[in-house]
N, C-alpha and C. Protein backbone atom coordinates (compact mmCIF):
# COMPACT_ATOMS: atom_id res chain seq x y z
N UNK A 1 58.41 68.60 6.57
CA UNK A 1 58.75 68.20 5.09
C UNK A 1 59.91 69.13 4.82
N UNK A 2 59.21 70.30 4.48
CA UNK A 2 59.84 71.75 4.36
C UNK A 2 61.21 72.08 5.30
N UNK A 3 61.08 71.78 6.47
CA UNK A 3 62.35 72.16 7.20
C UNK A 3 63.40 71.13 6.77
N UNK A 4 63.01 69.99 6.96
CA UNK A 4 63.40 68.38 6.77
C UNK A 4 64.48 68.83 5.80
N UNK A 5 63.98 68.99 4.33
CA UNK A 5 64.47 69.48 3.00
C UNK A 5 65.29 70.69 3.12
N UNK A 6 65.29 71.85 4.13
CA UNK A 6 65.98 72.84 4.15
C UNK A 6 67.28 72.23 4.61
N UNK A 7 67.23 71.68 5.97
CA UNK A 7 68.77 70.61 6.68
C UNK A 7 69.75 70.49 6.25
N UNK A 8 68.36 69.13 5.35
CA UNK A 8 69.50 68.44 4.41
C UNK A 8 69.93 68.80 3.17
N UNK A 9 69.56 70.24 2.59
CA UNK A 9 69.90 70.98 1.75
C UNK A 9 71.37 71.77 1.94
N UNK A 10 71.29 72.44 3.64
CA UNK A 10 72.50 72.82 3.65
C UNK A 10 73.44 72.05 4.62
N UNK A 11 73.23 70.89 5.19
CA UNK A 11 74.04 69.23 5.45
C UNK A 11 74.47 69.94 6.58
N UNK A 12 72.98 70.60 7.13
CA UNK A 12 73.55 71.09 8.80
C UNK A 12 72.39 70.05 9.79
N UNK A 13 72.75 69.63 10.66
CA UNK A 13 71.91 68.61 11.56
C UNK A 13 71.82 69.15 13.01
N UNK A 14 70.95 70.06 13.55
CA UNK A 14 71.37 71.03 14.62
C UNK A 14 70.72 70.03 15.72
N UNK A 15 71.60 70.27 17.34
CA UNK A 15 71.00 69.44 18.45
C UNK A 15 69.32 69.75 18.29
N UNK A 16 68.93 68.99 19.38
CA UNK A 16 67.56 69.15 19.06
C UNK A 16 67.24 70.05 19.89
N UNK A 17 67.99 70.80 20.83
CA UNK A 17 66.81 72.37 21.47
C UNK A 17 66.96 73.27 20.57
N UNK A 18 67.77 73.23 18.82
CA UNK A 18 67.95 74.47 17.96
C UNK A 18 66.67 74.31 17.51
N UNK A 19 66.51 72.88 16.87
CA UNK A 19 65.42 72.32 16.32
C UNK A 19 64.07 73.34 16.52
N UNK A 20 63.51 73.08 17.99
CA UNK A 20 62.34 73.93 17.96
C UNK A 20 62.49 75.86 17.43
N UNK A 21 63.45 76.27 17.70
CA UNK A 21 64.00 77.24 17.26
C UNK A 21 63.51 77.46 15.53
N UNK A 22 64.22 76.76 14.96
CA UNK A 22 64.31 76.69 13.34
C UNK A 22 63.28 75.84 12.89
N UNK A 23 62.42 75.12 13.97
CA UNK A 23 60.80 74.94 13.38
C UNK A 23 59.88 76.09 13.46
N UNK A 24 60.68 77.27 14.76
CA UNK A 24 59.22 78.14 14.74
C UNK A 24 59.74 79.09 14.04
N UNK A 25 60.55 79.38 13.52
CA UNK A 25 61.28 80.62 12.54
C UNK A 25 60.21 80.44 11.13
N UNK A 26 60.73 79.07 10.68
CA UNK A 26 60.02 78.43 9.87
C UNK A 26 58.07 78.69 9.80
N UNK A 27 57.92 78.14 10.51
CA UNK A 27 56.25 78.28 11.08
C UNK A 27 56.06 80.08 10.92
N UNK A 28 56.84 80.39 11.40
CA UNK A 28 56.16 82.12 11.86
C UNK A 28 56.38 82.71 10.18
N UNK A 29 57.78 82.29 9.18
CA UNK A 29 57.47 83.18 8.30
C UNK A 29 55.89 82.44 7.04
N UNK A 30 55.86 81.16 7.27
CA UNK A 30 54.43 80.96 6.94
C UNK A 30 53.22 81.35 7.67
N UNK A 31 53.37 82.05 8.58
CA UNK A 31 52.11 82.40 9.25
C UNK A 31 51.46 81.20 9.54
N UNK A 32 52.17 80.22 10.20
CA UNK A 32 51.25 78.89 10.71
C UNK A 32 51.79 78.78 12.16
N UNK A 33 50.67 79.17 13.47
CA UNK A 33 51.05 79.04 14.40
C UNK A 33 50.50 78.49 15.21
N UNK A 34 49.84 77.25 14.55
CA UNK A 34 48.69 76.34 15.43
C UNK A 34 49.45 75.34 16.69
N UNK A 35 49.00 75.49 17.49
CA UNK A 35 49.77 74.96 18.21
C UNK A 35 50.23 73.63 18.61
N UNK A 36 48.81 73.27 17.95
CA UNK A 36 48.80 71.16 18.22
C UNK A 36 49.77 70.81 16.86
N UNK A 37 49.54 71.79 15.62
CA UNK A 37 50.47 71.33 14.58
C UNK A 37 52.17 71.28 14.91
N UNK A 38 52.14 72.16 15.29
CA UNK A 38 53.68 72.85 15.72
C UNK A 38 54.50 71.96 16.56
N UNK A 39 53.47 71.68 17.33
CA UNK A 39 54.02 70.15 18.76
C UNK A 39 54.68 69.04 17.72
N UNK A 40 53.44 69.11 16.90
CA UNK A 40 53.36 67.33 15.85
C UNK A 40 54.76 67.07 15.11
N UNK A 41 54.95 68.78 14.51
CA UNK A 41 55.56 68.78 13.76
C UNK A 41 57.54 68.97 14.18
N UNK A 42 57.46 69.35 15.67
CA UNK A 42 58.14 69.32 16.39
C UNK A 42 58.81 67.87 16.25
N UNK A 43 57.91 67.27 17.16
CA UNK A 43 57.99 66.01 17.36
C UNK A 43 58.78 64.61 16.49
N UNK A 44 58.16 65.41 14.51
CA UNK A 44 58.47 64.48 13.78
C UNK A 44 60.02 64.85 13.50
N UNK A 45 60.29 66.07 14.26
CA UNK A 45 61.40 66.73 13.40
C UNK A 45 62.78 65.98 14.56
N UNK A 46 62.47 66.20 15.48
CA UNK A 46 63.80 65.62 16.44
C UNK A 46 63.07 64.29 16.49
N UNK A 47 62.48 63.58 15.94
CA UNK A 47 63.05 62.45 15.86
C UNK A 47 63.66 61.59 15.04
N UNK A 48 63.08 62.85 13.68
CA UNK A 48 63.63 62.39 12.25
C UNK A 48 65.29 62.32 12.69
N UNK A 49 65.49 63.98 12.85
CA UNK A 49 67.28 64.04 13.64
C UNK A 49 67.76 63.01 14.50
N UNK A 50 66.87 63.12 15.55
CA UNK A 50 67.63 61.51 16.61
C UNK A 50 67.97 60.69 16.16
N UNK A 51 67.17 59.81 14.95
CA UNK A 51 67.41 58.75 14.52
C UNK A 51 67.63 58.37 12.64
N UNK A 52 68.20 59.47 12.74
CA UNK A 52 68.22 59.89 11.02
C UNK A 52 69.20 58.50 10.81
N UNK A 53 70.21 58.28 11.40
CA UNK A 53 71.30 57.80 10.79
C UNK A 53 71.22 56.22 10.67
N UNK A 54 70.38 56.16 12.21
CA UNK A 54 69.63 54.65 11.61
C UNK A 54 68.03 54.39 10.40
N UNK A 55 68.07 54.95 10.64
CA UNK A 55 66.85 55.59 9.87
C UNK A 55 67.35 55.50 8.10
N UNK A 56 68.31 55.88 7.91
CA UNK A 56 69.06 55.89 7.04
C UNK A 56 69.59 54.48 6.19
N UNK A 57 70.37 53.98 7.49
CA UNK A 57 70.47 52.63 6.97
C UNK A 57 69.21 51.55 6.82
N UNK A 58 68.27 51.62 7.51
CA UNK A 58 67.05 51.39 7.21
C UNK A 58 66.93 51.62 5.74
N UNK A 59 67.02 52.84 5.28
CA UNK A 59 66.32 53.06 3.61
C UNK A 59 67.07 52.40 2.88
N UNK A 60 68.14 52.14 3.18
CA UNK A 60 69.69 51.77 2.40
C UNK A 60 69.33 50.29 2.33
N UNK A 61 68.68 49.42 3.40
CA UNK A 61 68.60 48.15 3.28
C UNK A 61 67.41 48.08 2.20
N UNK A 62 66.22 49.00 2.70
CA UNK A 62 65.02 48.93 1.87
C UNK A 62 64.87 49.03 0.62
N UNK A 63 66.19 50.13 0.16
CA UNK A 63 65.63 50.34 -1.40
C UNK A 63 66.54 50.22 -2.01
N UNK A 64 67.36 48.74 -2.00
CA UNK A 64 68.25 47.53 -2.98
C UNK A 64 68.69 48.67 -3.91
N UNK A 65 70.06 48.39 -3.81
CA UNK A 65 71.05 49.17 -4.89
C UNK A 65 71.19 51.01 -4.75
N UNK A 66 69.94 51.36 -3.85
CA UNK A 66 70.20 53.06 -3.88
C UNK A 66 70.86 53.05 -2.06
N UNK A 67 71.86 53.79 -2.72
CA UNK A 67 72.44 54.76 -1.55
C UNK A 67 71.70 56.20 -0.95
N UNK A 68 71.42 56.29 0.30
CA UNK A 68 70.46 57.49 0.51
C UNK A 68 70.94 58.88 -0.27
N UNK A 69 72.32 59.04 0.15
CA UNK A 69 72.98 59.95 -0.93
C UNK A 69 72.46 60.27 -2.57
N UNK A 70 72.15 59.00 -2.82
CA UNK A 70 71.76 58.85 -4.11
C UNK A 70 70.53 59.53 -4.35
N UNK A 71 69.48 59.05 -3.60
CA UNK A 71 68.20 59.85 -3.73
C UNK A 71 67.87 60.85 -4.07
N UNK A 72 67.06 61.18 -4.38
CA UNK A 72 66.30 62.87 -4.35
C UNK A 72 66.03 63.49 -3.10
N UNK A 73 66.22 64.98 -3.19
CA UNK A 73 66.25 65.21 -2.22
C UNK A 73 64.86 64.89 -1.17
N UNK A 74 64.02 65.01 -1.97
CA UNK A 74 62.73 65.08 -2.13
C UNK A 74 62.06 63.54 -1.12
N UNK A 75 62.19 63.13 -1.66
CA UNK A 75 62.14 61.52 -1.63
C UNK A 75 62.87 61.03 -0.31
N UNK A 76 64.04 61.52 0.12
CA UNK A 76 64.61 60.77 0.79
C UNK A 76 63.91 61.65 2.73
N UNK A 77 63.40 62.49 2.09
CA UNK A 77 63.06 62.96 3.06
C UNK A 77 61.94 62.88 2.73
N UNK A 78 61.15 62.37 2.76
CA UNK A 78 59.56 61.93 3.06
C UNK A 78 59.88 60.70 3.29
N UNK A 79 60.86 59.43 2.86
CA UNK A 79 60.49 58.76 3.14
C UNK A 79 61.29 58.48 5.22
N UNK A 80 62.26 59.38 5.21
CA UNK A 80 62.68 59.72 6.52
C UNK A 80 61.25 59.94 7.64
N UNK A 81 60.35 60.93 6.89
CA UNK A 81 59.55 61.00 7.87
C UNK A 81 58.89 59.72 8.42
N UNK A 82 58.41 59.27 7.44
CA UNK A 82 57.25 58.03 7.26
C UNK A 82 58.00 57.16 7.67
N UNK A 83 59.77 56.60 7.55
CA UNK A 83 60.54 55.86 8.38
C UNK A 83 59.83 55.67 9.83
N UNK A 84 60.33 57.14 10.34
CA UNK A 84 60.32 57.81 12.02
C UNK A 84 58.33 57.55 12.31
N UNK A 85 57.71 57.69 11.68
CA UNK A 85 56.42 57.51 11.93
C UNK A 85 55.86 55.78 12.19
N UNK A 86 56.70 55.20 11.18
CA UNK A 86 55.83 53.62 11.55
C UNK A 86 56.82 53.77 12.42
N UNK A 87 58.15 53.94 12.19
CA UNK A 87 58.89 53.32 13.74
C UNK A 87 58.22 53.40 15.00
N UNK A 88 57.90 54.48 15.15
CA UNK A 88 57.38 55.00 16.34
C UNK A 88 56.21 55.45 17.21
N UNK A 89 55.96 56.07 16.01
CA UNK A 89 53.89 56.88 16.53
C UNK A 89 53.37 55.98 16.01
N UNK A 90 52.43 55.86 16.92
CA UNK A 90 51.01 55.23 16.68
C UNK A 90 50.23 56.33 15.94
N UNK A 91 50.28 56.11 14.68
CA UNK A 91 50.24 56.38 13.26
C UNK A 91 49.60 55.01 12.58
N UNK A 92 48.54 54.41 12.18
CA UNK A 92 48.30 53.78 11.25
C UNK A 92 49.12 53.81 10.24
N UNK A 93 49.34 52.48 9.82
CA UNK A 93 50.79 52.53 8.48
C UNK A 93 49.80 52.77 7.07
N UNK A 94 48.62 52.57 7.22
CA UNK A 94 48.36 52.95 5.70
C UNK A 94 47.83 54.46 5.61
N UNK A 95 47.60 55.25 6.86
CA UNK A 95 47.56 56.55 6.48
C UNK A 95 48.59 57.29 6.71
N UNK A 96 50.23 56.52 6.99
CA UNK A 96 51.14 57.36 6.94
C UNK A 96 51.92 56.91 5.53
N UNK A 97 51.71 55.39 4.79
CA UNK A 97 52.29 55.40 3.74
C UNK A 97 51.46 56.17 2.62
N UNK A 98 50.14 56.56 2.66
CA UNK A 98 49.10 57.23 1.73
C UNK A 98 50.12 58.82 2.04
N UNK A 99 49.94 58.84 3.50
CA UNK A 99 50.55 60.68 3.64
C UNK A 99 51.94 60.57 2.21
N UNK A 100 52.74 59.95 2.66
CA UNK A 100 54.02 59.80 2.22
C UNK A 100 53.89 59.89 0.25
N UNK A 101 53.04 58.66 -0.26
CA UNK A 101 52.92 58.70 -1.68
C UNK A 101 52.41 60.26 -1.63
N UNK A 102 51.66 61.05 -1.34
CA UNK A 102 51.15 61.66 -1.82
C UNK A 102 51.93 62.82 -1.52
N UNK A 103 53.04 63.36 -0.80
CA UNK A 103 53.72 64.57 -0.76
C UNK A 103 54.79 64.06 -1.51
N UNK A 104 55.40 63.15 -2.02
CA UNK A 104 55.87 62.96 -3.12
C UNK A 104 55.46 62.39 -4.29
N UNK A 105 53.97 62.75 -4.63
CA UNK A 105 53.63 62.87 -5.83
C UNK A 105 53.24 64.57 -5.82
N UNK A 106 53.27 65.09 -5.32
CA UNK A 106 53.33 66.44 -4.96
C UNK A 106 54.53 67.06 -5.12
N UNK A 107 55.56 66.46 -4.46
CA UNK A 107 56.48 67.15 -4.82
C UNK A 107 57.45 66.83 -5.10
N UNK A 108 58.22 65.57 -6.06
CA UNK A 108 58.67 64.57 -6.49
C UNK A 108 58.93 64.15 -7.37
N UNK A 109 59.17 63.83 -8.21
CA UNK A 109 59.50 63.47 -9.55
C UNK A 109 58.21 63.07 -9.61
N UNK A 110 58.10 62.88 -11.45
CA UNK A 110 57.07 61.81 -12.19
C UNK A 110 56.98 60.64 -11.65
N UNK A 111 58.46 59.79 -11.15
CA UNK A 111 58.70 58.59 -10.28
C UNK A 111 58.42 58.40 -8.67
N UNK A 112 58.78 59.51 -7.76
CA UNK A 112 58.68 59.62 -6.15
C UNK A 112 57.95 58.81 -6.24
N UNK A 113 56.73 58.59 -6.71
CA UNK A 113 55.32 57.92 -5.64
C UNK A 113 55.67 57.00 -5.73
N UNK A 114 56.00 55.94 -6.58
CA UNK A 114 56.45 55.01 -6.96
C UNK A 114 57.46 53.98 -5.79
N UNK A 115 57.83 55.04 -5.93
CA UNK A 115 59.54 54.23 -5.22
C UNK A 115 59.23 54.48 -4.01
N UNK A 116 58.79 55.71 -3.60
CA UNK A 116 58.41 56.00 -2.05
C UNK A 116 57.75 54.59 -1.55
N UNK A 117 56.18 54.39 -2.19
CA UNK A 117 55.40 53.31 -2.29
C UNK A 117 56.11 51.55 -2.02
N UNK A 118 57.06 51.76 -2.77
CA UNK A 118 57.80 50.56 -2.75
C UNK A 118 59.22 50.32 -2.18
N UNK A 119 59.59 51.21 -1.44
CA UNK A 119 60.60 51.12 -0.39
C UNK A 119 59.78 51.16 1.27
N UNK A 120 58.52 52.32 1.16
CA UNK A 120 58.33 51.63 2.46
C UNK A 120 57.48 50.15 3.32
N UNK A 121 56.94 49.83 1.46
CA UNK A 121 56.59 48.47 1.71
C UNK A 121 57.63 47.24 2.15
N UNK A 122 58.53 47.79 1.68
CA UNK A 122 60.13 46.78 2.64
C UNK A 122 60.41 47.41 3.99
N UNK A 123 60.13 48.36 3.89
CA UNK A 123 60.91 49.16 5.12
C UNK A 123 59.69 48.32 6.24
N UNK A 124 58.53 48.60 5.84
CA UNK A 124 57.41 47.52 6.52
C UNK A 124 57.92 46.19 7.42
N UNK A 125 58.27 45.57 6.10
CA UNK A 125 58.97 44.16 7.09
C UNK A 125 59.81 44.06 7.59
N UNK A 126 61.18 44.96 7.70
CA UNK A 126 61.99 45.27 8.08
C UNK A 126 62.39 45.45 9.80
N UNK A 127 60.72 46.69 9.88
CA UNK A 127 60.08 47.18 10.62
C UNK A 127 59.93 46.26 11.71
N UNK A 128 59.69 45.06 11.11
CA UNK A 128 58.90 44.09 11.80
C UNK A 128 59.63 42.73 12.53
N UNK A 129 60.93 42.86 12.01
CA UNK A 129 61.86 42.66 12.48
C UNK A 129 62.76 43.35 13.19
N UNK A 130 62.98 44.33 12.96
CA UNK A 130 63.71 45.05 13.39
C UNK A 130 63.09 46.41 14.05
N UNK A 131 62.69 46.62 15.38
CA UNK A 131 61.72 47.91 15.37
C UNK A 131 62.96 49.19 15.29
N UNK A 132 62.27 50.12 15.09
CA UNK A 132 63.31 51.52 15.05
C UNK A 132 63.39 52.00 16.24
N UNK A 133 62.51 52.05 17.58
CA UNK A 133 62.59 52.21 18.99
C UNK A 133 62.36 51.12 19.45
């Protein structure tokens, strides 16, 4: 989430080969070098960056009158991660929703958790009709 937030804040969306370096630098700074967590974080980061435009279109459809650019940076990146997980990974939807809502509650505004919950509920319906992958 922190790496996505930073990339979004800078408006930089590096090529896939650069993502490993960016993530590794971030995790080393945080002194978090768990290989399994690193690989999972890299998979998430690469997936969100690779499918960002499609994810953003889906978010706009699901958010009713909210352009992605108008969403808070925290909300849109929590949503991007969750949409990628819902659309492409074998993670149960309930787990993805719970994690996204909790991250939004911790890092976002007082309205973030409700906003994220509502948008992801609609994204789940969209994914049934038009899968991400």
